[in-house]
PDB file of N, CA and C in Angstrom:
ATOM      1  N   UNK A   1      71.187  75.399 -63.879  1.00  0.00           N
ATOM      2  CA  UNK A   1      71.053  74.025 -64.333  1.00  0.00           C
ATOM      3  C   UNK A   1      71.191  73.969 -65.856  1.00  0.00           C
ATOM      4  N   UNK A   2      71.780  72.909 -66.304  1.00  0.00           N
ATOM      5  CA  UNK A   2      72.026  72.757 -67.729  1.00  0.00           C
ATOM      6  C   UNK A   2      70.749  72.398 -68.476  1.00  0.00           C
ATOM      7  N   UNK A   3      70.547  73.055 -69.612  1.00  0.00           N
ATOM      8  CA  UNK A   3      69.361  72.788 -70.425  1.00  0.00           C
ATOM      9  C   UNK A   3      69.645  71.686 -71.435  1.00  0.00           C
ATOM     10  N   UNK A   4      68.583  70.973 -71.768  1.00  0.00           N
ATOM     11  CA  UNK A   4      68.615  69.897 -72.740  1.00  0.00           C
ATOM     12  C   UNK A   4      67.482  70.152 -73.724  1.00  0.00           C
ATOM     13  N   UNK A   5      67.656  69.733 -74.967  1.00  0.00           N
ATOM     14  CA  UNK A   5      66.598  69.813 -75.979  1.00  0.00           C
ATOM     15  C   UNK A   5      66.145  68.401 -76.293  1.00  0.00           C
ATOM     16  N   UNK A   6      64.837  68.178 -76.240  1.00  0.00           N
ATOM     17  CA  UNK A   6      64.257  66.906 -76.667  1.00  0.00           C
ATOM     18  C   UNK A   6      63.420  67.158 -77.910  1.00  0.00           C
ATOM     19  N   UNK A   7      63.645  66.337 -78.925  1.00  0.00           N
ATOM     20  CA  UNK A   7      62.768  66.320 -80.095  1.00  0.00           C
ATOM     21  C   UNK A   7      61.759  65.205 -79.824  1.00  0.00           C
ATOM     22  N   UNK A   8      60.482  65.593 -79.798  1.00  0.00           N
ATOM     23  CA  UNK A   8      59.427  64.670 -79.365  1.00  0.00           C
ATOM     24  C   UNK A   8      58.401  64.500 -80.485  1.00  0.00           C
ATOM     25  N   UNK A   9      58.137  63.253 -80.846  1.00  0.00           N
ATOM     26  CA  UNK A   9      57.066  62.921 -81.788  1.00  0.00           C
ATOM     27  C   UNK A   9      55.951  62.267 -80.987  1.00  0.00           C
ATOM     28  N   UNK A  10      54.753  62.826 -81.096  1.00  0.00           N
ATOM     29  CA  UNK A  10      53.587  62.296 -80.397  1.00  0.00           C
ATOM     30  C   UNK A  10      52.671  61.696 -81.446  1.00  0.00           C
ATOM     31  N   UNK A  11      52.400  60.396 -81.316  1.00  0.00           N
ATOM     32  CA  UNK A  11      51.540  59.706 -82.282  1.00  0.00           C
ATOM     33  C   UNK A  11      50.275  59.216 -81.596  1.00  0.00           C
ATOM     34  N   UNK A  12      49.226  59.124 -82.376  1.00  0.00           N
ATOM     35  CA  UNK A  12      47.919  58.708 -81.874  1.00  0.00           C
ATOM     36  C   UNK A  12      46.873  59.645 -82.452  1.00  0.00           C
ATOM     37  N   UNK A  13      45.761  59.817 -81.733  1.00  0.00           N
ATOM     38  CA  UNK A  13      44.738  60.779 -82.168  1.00  0.00           C
ATOM     39  C   UNK A  13      45.035  62.080 -81.441  1.00  0.00           C
ATOM     40  N   UNK A  14      45.960  62.867 -82.034  1.00  0.00           N
ATOM     41  CA  UNK A  14      46.445  64.078 -81.362  1.00  0.00           C
ATOM     42  C   UNK A  14      46.270  65.342 -82.206  1.00  0.00           C
ATOM     43  N   UNK A  15      45.639  65.222 -83.356  1.00  0.00           N
ATOM     44  CA  UNK A  15      45.312  66.413 -84.139  1.00  0.00           C
ATOM     45  C   UNK A  15      43.808  66.640 -84.093  1.00  0.00           C
ATOM     46  N   UNK A  16      43.419  67.913 -84.061  1.00  0.00           N
ATOM     47  CA  UNK A  16      42.004  68.252 -84.009  1.00  0.00           C
ATOM     48  C   UNK A  16      41.401  68.136 -82.621  1.00  0.00           C
ATOM     49  N   UNK A  17      42.249  68.012 -81.594  1.00  0.00           N
ATOM     50  CA  UNK A  17      41.767  67.848 -80.215  1.00  0.00           C
ATOM     51  C   UNK A  17      42.329  68.918 -79.279  1.00  0.00           C
ATOM     52  N   UNK A  18      43.005  69.936 -79.850  1.00  0.00           N
ATOM     53  CA  UNK A  18      43.571  71.007 -79.031  1.00  0.00           C
ATOM     54  C   UNK A  18      44.910  70.668 -78.410  1.00  0.00           C
ATOM     55  N   UNK A  19      45.584  69.640 -78.944  1.00  0.00           N
ATOM     56  CA  UNK A  19      46.851  69.207 -78.343  1.00  0.00           C
ATOM     57  C   UNK A  19      47.895  70.319 -78.369  1.00  0.00           C
ATOM     58  N   UNK A  20      48.044  71.003 -79.513  1.00  0.00           N
ATOM     59  CA  UNK A  20      49.083  72.033 -79.621  1.00  0.00           C
ATOM     60  C   UNK A  20      48.838  73.184 -78.651  1.00  0.00           C
ATOM     61  N   UNK A  21      47.590  73.630 -78.555  1.00  0.00           N
ATOM     62  CA  UNK A  21      47.277  74.755 -77.666  1.00  0.00           C
ATOM     63  C   UNK A  21      47.481  74.361 -76.204  1.00  0.00           C
ATOM     64  N   UNK A  22      47.095  73.128 -75.876  1.00  0.00           N
ATOM     65  CA  UNK A  22      47.331  72.638 -74.512  1.00  0.00           C
ATOM     66  C   UNK A  22      48.818  72.480 -74.243  1.00  0.00           C
ATOM     67  N   UNK A  23      49.580  72.085 -75.264  1.00  0.00           N
ATOM     68  CA  UNK A  23      51.028  71.931 -75.104  1.00  0.00           C
ATOM     69  C   UNK A  23      51.684  73.269 -74.786  1.00  0.00           C
ATOM     70  N   UNK A  24      51.208  74.346 -75.418  1.00  0.00           N
ATOM     71  CA  UNK A  24      51.753  75.677 -75.120  1.00  0.00           C
ATOM     72  C   UNK A  24      51.511  76.023 -73.648  1.00  0.00           C
ATOM     73  N   UNK A  25      50.289  75.783 -73.167  1.00  0.00           N
ATOM     74  CA  UNK A  25      49.985  76.070 -71.758  1.00  0.00           C
ATOM     75  C   UNK A  25      50.846  75.216 -70.828  1.00  0.00           C
ATOM     76  N   UNK A  26      50.968  73.924 -71.140  1.00  0.00           N
ATOM     77  CA  UNK A  26      51.759  73.021 -70.300  1.00  0.00           C
ATOM     78  C   UNK A  26      53.235  73.405 -70.320  1.00  0.00           C
ATOM     79  N   UNK A  27      53.750  73.753 -71.500  1.00  0.00           N
ATOM     80  CA  UNK A  27      55.158  74.149 -71.610  1.00  0.00           C
ATOM     81  C   UNK A  27      55.418  75.398 -70.774  1.00  0.00           C
ATOM     82  N   UNK A  28      54.526  76.379 -70.865  1.00  0.00           N
ATOM     83  CA  UNK A  28      54.699  77.594 -70.065  1.00  0.00           C
ATOM     84  C   UNK A  28      54.658  77.271 -68.579  1.00  0.00           C
ATOM     85  N   UNK A  29      53.776  76.379 -68.184  1.00  0.00           N
ATOM     86  CA  UNK A  29      53.657  75.972 -66.773  1.00  0.00           C
ATOM     87  C   UNK A  29      54.941  75.293 -66.281  1.00  0.00           C
ATOM     88  N   UNK A  30      55.556  74.491 -67.142  1.00  0.00           N
ATOM     89  CA  UNK A  30      56.739  73.717 -66.751  1.00  0.00           C
ATOM     90  C   UNK A  30      58.067  74.413 -67.065  1.00  0.00           C
ATOM     91  N   UNK A  31      58.014  75.627 -67.619  1.00  0.00           N
ATOM     92  CA  UNK A  31      59.246  76.351 -67.920  1.00  0.00           C
ATOM     93  C   UNK A  31      59.961  75.873 -69.164  1.00  0.00           C
ATOM     94  N   UNK A  32      59.214  75.294 -70.098  1.00  0.00           N
ATOM     95  CA  UNK A  32      59.777  74.725 -71.324  1.00  0.00           C
ATOM     96  C   UNK A  32      59.731  75.762 -72.448  1.00  0.00           C
ATOM     97  N   UNK A  33      60.776  75.809 -73.259  1.00  0.00           N
ATOM     98  CA  UNK A  33      60.783  76.633 -74.458  1.00  0.00           C
ATOM     99  C   UNK A  33      60.895  75.723 -75.682  1.00  0.00           C
ATOM    100  N   UNK A  34      60.555  76.266 -76.860  1.00  0.00           N
ATOM    101  CA  UNK A  34      60.623  75.484 -78.091  1.00  0.00           C
ATOM    102  C   UNK A  34      59.407  75.728 -78.946  1.00  0.00           C
ATOM    103  N   UNK A  35      58.931  74.660 -79.616  1.00  0.00           N
ATOM    104  CA  UNK A  35      57.750  74.804 -80.468  1.00  0.00           C
ATOM    105  C   UNK A  35      57.034  73.479 -80.626  1.00  0.00           C
ATOM    106  N   UNK A  36      55.802  73.572 -81.136  1.00  0.00           N
ATOM    107  CA  UNK A  36      54.978  72.399 -81.431  1.00  0.00           C
ATOM    108  C   UNK A  36      54.323  72.616 -82.783  1.00  0.00           C
ATOM    109  N   UNK A  37      54.185  71.536 -83.573  1.00  0.00           N
ATOM    110  CA  UNK A  37      53.487  71.663 -84.857  1.00  0.00           C
ATOM    111  C   UNK A  37      52.878  70.333 -85.267  1.00  0.00           C
ATOM    112  N   UNK A  38      51.789  70.428 -86.043  1.00  0.00           N
ATOM    113  CA  UNK A  38      51.164  69.247 -86.626  1.00  0.00           C
ATOM    114  C   UNK A  38      52.010  68.772 -87.796  1.00  0.00           C
ATOM    115  N   UNK A  39      52.054  67.461 -87.954  1.00  0.00           N
ATOM    116  CA  UNK A  39      52.780  66.868 -89.066  1.00  0.00           C
ATOM    117  C   UNK A  39      51.783  66.275 -90.067  1.00  0.00           C
ATOM    118  N   UNK A  40      52.185  66.170 -91.345  1.00  0.00           N
ATOM    119  CA  UNK A  40      51.271  65.647 -92.373  1.00  0.00           C
ATOM    120  C   UNK A  40      50.763  64.229 -92.088  1.00  0.00           C
ATOM    121  N   UNK A  41      51.522  63.431 -91.328  1.00  0.00           N
ATOM    122  CA  UNK A  41      51.119  62.044 -91.056  1.00  0.00           C
ATOM    123  C   UNK A  41      50.140  61.921 -89.885  1.00  0.00           C
ATOM    124  N   UNK A  42      49.693  63.061 -89.320  1.00  0.00           N
ATOM    125  CA  UNK A  42      48.743  63.020 -88.219  1.00  0.00           C
ATOM    126  C   UNK A  42      49.381  63.082 -86.843  1.00  0.00           C
ATOM    127  N   UNK A  43      50.706  63.061 -86.786  1.00  0.00           N
ATOM    128  CA  UNK A  43      51.399  63.161 -85.500  1.00  0.00           C
ATOM    129  C   UNK A  43      51.626  64.634 -85.149  1.00  0.00           C
ATOM    130  N   UNK A  44      52.150  64.848 -83.972  1.00  0.00           N
ATOM    131  CA  UNK A  44      52.544  66.182 -83.523  1.00  0.00           C
ATOM    132  C   UNK A  44      54.037  66.122 -83.216  1.00  0.00           C
ATOM    133  N   UNK A  45      54.776  67.130 -83.667  1.00  0.00           N
ATOM    134  CA  UNK A  45      56.223  67.216 -83.448  1.00  0.00           C
ATOM    135  C   UNK A  45      56.518  68.414 -82.553  1.00  0.00           C
ATOM    136  N   UNK A  46      57.393  68.190 -81.564  1.00  0.00           N
ATOM    137  CA  UNK A  46      57.790  69.271 -80.667  1.00  0.00           C
ATOM    138  C   UNK A  46      59.298  69.280 -80.496  1.00  0.00           C
ATOM    139  N   UNK A  47      59.842  70.470 -80.354  1.00  0.00           N
ATOM    140  CA  UNK A  47      61.187  70.633 -79.834  1.00  0.00           C
ATOM    141  C   UNK A  47      61.001  71.325 -78.500  1.00  0.00           C
ATOM    142  N   UNK A  48      61.369  70.630 -77.435  1.00  0.00           N
ATOM    143  CA  UNK A  48      61.149  71.115 -76.071  1.00  0.00           C
ATOM    144  C   UNK A  48      62.492  71.238 -75.367  1.00  0.00           C
ATOM    145  N   UNK A  49      62.727  72.412 -74.813  1.00  0.00           N
ATOM    146  CA  UNK A  49      64.010  72.694 -74.177  1.00  0.00           C
ATOM    147  C   UNK A  49      63.793  73.126 -72.730  1.00  0.00           C
ATOM    148  N   UNK A  50      64.570  72.551 -71.838  1.00  0.00           N
ATOM    149  CA  UNK A  50      64.490  72.893 -70.425  1.00  0.00           C
ATOM    150  C   UNK A  50      65.470  72.035 -69.643  1.00  0.00           C
ATOM    151  N   UNK A  51      65.375  72.086 -68.325  1.00  0.00           N
ATOM    152  CA  UNK A  51      66.208  71.210 -67.507  1.00  0.00           C
ATOM    153  C   UNK A  51      65.652  69.796 -67.595  1.00  0.00           C
ATOM    154  N   UNK A  52      66.443  68.835 -67.172  1.00  0.00           N
ATOM    155  CA  UNK A  52      66.007  67.436 -67.196  1.00  0.00           C
ATOM    156  C   UNK A  52      64.700  67.258 -66.410  1.00  0.00           C
ATOM    157  N   UNK A  53      64.599  67.865 -65.248  1.00  0.00           N
ATOM    158  CA  UNK A  53      63.394  67.761 -64.408  1.00  0.00           C
ATOM    159  C   UNK A  53      62.188  68.386 -65.111  1.00  0.00           C
ATOM    160  N   UNK A  54      62.368  69.591 -65.670  1.00  0.00           N
ATOM    161  CA  UNK A  54      61.272  70.249 -66.381  1.00  0.00           C
ATOM    162  C   UNK A  54      60.789  69.401 -67.550  1.00  0.00           C
ATOM    163  N   UNK A  55      61.743  68.830 -68.284  1.00  0.00           N
ATOM    164  CA  UNK A  55      61.389  68.012 -69.443  1.00  0.00           C
ATOM    165  C   UNK A  55      60.687  66.723 -69.035  1.00  0.00           C
ATOM    166  N   UNK A  56      61.134  66.095 -67.961  1.00  0.00           N
ATOM    167  CA  UNK A  56      60.474  64.867 -67.503  1.00  0.00           C
ATOM    168  C   UNK A  56      59.031  65.153 -67.094  1.00  0.00           C
ATOM    169  N   UNK A  57      58.799  66.283 -66.426  1.00  0.00           N
ATOM    170  CA  UNK A  57      57.438  66.659 -66.052  1.00  0.00           C
ATOM    171  C   UNK A  57      56.600  66.950 -67.295  1.00  0.00           C
ATOM    172  N   UNK A  58      57.184  67.631 -68.274  1.00  0.00           N
ATOM    173  CA  UNK A  58      56.473  67.951 -69.515  1.00  0.00           C
ATOM    174  C   UNK A  58      56.149  66.675 -70.293  1.00  0.00           C
ATOM    175  N   UNK A  59      57.077  65.753 -70.360  1.00  0.00           N
ATOM    176  CA  UNK A  59      56.846  64.485 -71.062  1.00  0.00           C
ATOM    177  C   UNK A  59      55.711  63.712 -70.395  1.00  0.00           C
ATOM    178  N   UNK A  60      55.664  63.753 -69.069  1.00  0.00           N
ATOM    179  CA  UNK A  60      54.555  63.091 -68.369  1.00  0.00           C
ATOM    180  C   UNK A  60      53.228  63.732 -68.783  1.00  0.00           C
ATOM    181  N   UNK A  61      53.208  65.057 -68.912  1.00  0.00           N
ATOM    182  CA  UNK A  61      51.996  65.726 -69.392  1.00  0.00           C
ATOM    183  C   UNK A  61      51.667  65.238 -70.806  1.00  0.00           C
ATOM    184  N   UNK A  62      52.683  65.143 -71.672  1.00  0.00           N
ATOM    185  CA  UNK A  62      52.466  64.720 -73.060  1.00  0.00           C
ATOM    186  C   UNK A  62      51.793  63.354 -73.131  1.00  0.00           C
ATOM    187  N   UNK A  63      52.181  62.451 -72.253  1.00  0.00           N
ATOM    188  CA  UNK A  63      51.605  61.098 -72.261  1.00  0.00           C
ATOM    189  C   UNK A  63      50.098  61.119 -71.978  1.00  0.00           C
ATOM    190  N   UNK A  64      49.634  62.141 -71.280  1.00  0.00           N
ATOM    191  CA  UNK A  64      48.228  62.217 -70.872  1.00  0.00           C
ATOM    192  C   UNK A  64      47.511  63.405 -71.497  1.00  0.00           C
ATOM    193  N   UNK A  65      48.108  64.001 -72.537  1.00  0.00           N
ATOM    194  CA  UNK A  65      47.541  65.196 -73.153  1.00  0.00           C
ATOM    195  C   UNK A  65      46.196  64.921 -73.819  1.00  0.00           C
ATOM    196  N   UNK A  66      45.608  65.953 -74.430  1.00  0.00           N
ATOM    197  CA  UNK A  66      44.306  65.793 -75.089  1.00  0.00           C
ATOM    198  C   UNK A  66      44.360  64.746 -76.194  1.00  0.00           C
ATOM    199  N   UNK A  67      43.205  64.149 -76.472  1.00  0.00           N
ATOM    200  CA  UNK A  67      43.129  63.125 -77.507  1.00  0.00           C
ATOM    201  C   UNK A  67      43.558  61.787 -76.946  1.00  0.00           C
ATOM    202  N   UNK A  68      44.151  60.980 -77.808  1.00  0.00           N
ATOM    203  CA  UNK A  68      44.654  59.674 -77.387  1.00  0.00           C
ATOM    204  C   UNK A  68      46.099  59.547 -77.843  1.00  0.00           C
ATOM    205  N   UNK A  69      47.014  59.563 -76.907  1.00  0.00           N
ATOM    206  CA  UNK A  69      48.436  59.446 -77.220  1.00  0.00           C
ATOM    207  C   UNK A  69      48.777  57.967 -77.306  1.00  0.00           C
ATOM    208  N   UNK A  70      49.153  57.529 -78.501  1.00  0.00           N
ATOM    209  CA  UNK A  70      49.523  56.134 -78.690  1.00  0.00           C
ATOM    210  C   UNK A  70      50.972  55.875 -78.343  1.00  0.00           C
ATOM    211  N   UNK A  71      51.861  56.786 -78.743  1.00  0.00           N
ATOM    212  CA  UNK A  71      53.287  56.602 -78.451  1.00  0.00           C
ATOM    213  C   UNK A  71      54.018  57.938 -78.505  1.00  0.00           C
ATOM    214  N   UNK A  72      55.141  57.977 -77.799  1.00  0.00           N
ATOM    215  CA  UNK A  72      56.054  59.117 -77.826  1.00  0.00           C
ATOM    216  C   UNK A  72      57.417  58.616 -78.258  1.00  0.00           C
ATOM    217  N   UNK A  73      58.063  59.363 -79.130  1.00  0.00           N
ATOM    218  CA  UNK A  73      59.462  59.121 -79.471  1.00  0.00           C
ATOM    219  C   UNK A  73      60.224  60.352 -79.019  1.00  0.00           C
ATOM    220  N   UNK A  74      61.261  60.146 -78.204  1.00  0.00           N
ATOM    221  CA  UNK A  74      61.992  61.261 -77.598  1.00  0.00           C
ATOM    222  C   UNK A  74      63.477  61.091 -77.887  1.00  0.00           C
ATOM    223  N   UNK A  75      64.064  62.109 -78.523  1.00  0.00           N
ATOM    224  CA  UNK A  75      65.494  62.074 -78.833  1.00  0.00           C
ATOM    225  C   UNK A  75      66.165  63.324 -78.275  1.00  0.00           C
ATOM    226  N   UNK A  76      67.245  63.162 -77.489  1.00  0.00           N
ATOM    227  CA  UNK A  76      67.955  64.326 -76.940  1.00  0.00           C
ATOM    228  C   UNK A  76      68.888  64.962 -77.976  1.00  0.00           C
ATOM    229  N   UNK A  77      68.977  66.281 -77.921  1.00  0.00           N
ATOM    230  CA  UNK A  77      69.856  67.056 -78.796  1.00  0.00           C
ATOM    231  C   UNK A  77      70.482  68.183 -77.987  1.00  0.00           C
ATOM    232  N   UNK A  78      71.530  68.813 -78.505  1.00  0.00           N
ATOM    233  CA  UNK A  78      72.083  69.999 -77.835  1.00  0.00           C
ATOM    234  C   UNK A  78      71.060  71.130 -77.845  1.00  0.00           C
ATOM    235  N   UNK A  79      71.008  71.942 -76.800  1.00  0.00           N
ATOM    236  CA  UNK A  79      70.027  73.031 -76.731  1.00  0.00           C
ATOM    237  C   UNK A  79      70.220  74.050 -77.846  1.00  0.00           C
ATOM    238  N   UNK A  80      69.107  74.695 -78.229  1.00  0.00           N
ATOM    239  CA  UNK A  80      69.134  75.726 -79.269  1.00  0.00           C
ATOM    240  C   UNK A  80      68.814  77.104 -78.693  1.00  0.00           C
ATOM    241  N   UNK A  81      68.574  77.161 -77.399  1.00  0.00           N
ATOM    242  CA  UNK A  81      68.312  78.430 -76.697  1.00  0.00           C
ATOM    243  C   UNK A  81      67.066  79.145 -77.188  1.00  0.00           C
ATOM    244  N   UNK A  82      65.970  78.391 -77.272  1.00  0.00           N
ATOM    245  CA  UNK A  82      64.674  79.022 -77.575  1.00  0.00           C
ATOM    246  C   UNK A  82      64.312  79.993 -76.448  1.00  0.00           C
ATOM    247  N   UNK A  83      63.541  81.023 -76.780  1.00  0.00           N
ATOM    248  CA  UNK A  83      63.177  82.016 -75.769  1.00  0.00           C
ATOM    249  C   UNK A  83      61.720  81.877 -75.303  1.00  0.00           C
ATOM    250  N   UNK A  84      60.893  81.141 -76.064  1.00  0.00           N
ATOM    251  CA  UNK A  84      59.515  80.918 -75.670  1.00  0.00           C
ATOM    252  C   UNK A  84      59.054  79.587 -76.266  1.00  0.00           C
ATOM    253  N   UNK A  85      57.789  79.236 -76.044  1.00  0.00           N
ATOM    254  CA  UNK A  85      57.214  78.030 -76.627  1.00  0.00           C
ATOM    255  C   UNK A  85      56.019  78.450 -77.451  1.00  0.00           C
ATOM    256  N   UNK A  86      56.001  78.085 -78.714  1.00  0.00           N
ATOM    257  CA  UNK A  86      54.943  78.550 -79.615  1.00  0.00           C
ATOM    258  C   UNK A  86      54.509  77.468 -80.573  1.00  0.00           C
ATOM    259  N   UNK A  87      53.369  77.731 -81.188  1.00  0.00           N
ATOM    260  CA  UNK A  87      52.863  76.849 -82.253  1.00  0.00           C
ATOM    261  C   UNK A  87      53.472  77.326 -83.559  1.00  0.00           C
ATOM    262  N   UNK A  88      53.992  76.379 -84.332  1.00  0.00           N
ATOM    263  CA  UNK A  88      54.540  76.654 -85.658  1.00  0.00           C
ATOM    264  C   UNK A  88      53.597  76.007 -86.671  1.00  0.00           C
ATOM    265  N   UNK A  89      53.268  76.745 -87.718  1.00  0.00           N
ATOM    266  CA  UNK A  89      52.355  76.235 -88.728  1.00  0.00           C
ATOM    267  C   UNK A  89      53.091  75.866 -89.996  1.00  0.00           C
TER     268      UNK A  89
END
C-alpha cells in the first residue's frame, strides 16, 4: 500500500499532559512513522507517515489524545520514508 505523509498541528491544551509520549505509543500501535515535537506557541507538531487507513486511525486518536485538543490542521505531503516514530526536542 502506498504511504502518505501528513503534517499535523495539534492545538489546545496539549503540552505538559503527556501528549508526545502517548503519541509515540499510538503511532507504534497504528504502524505510523515520523516524529512529534512541542512548538513554542503551545501546540504540538507531528509528521506522521503511513497508509491512508493507518493515518485516519491515528488522526482519530489525535482528536481524543491527552489534554484538550481544540483543533487539528492536517496537510498531506509526499512521504519521507521515516523508519520509526520519535519525540524530537
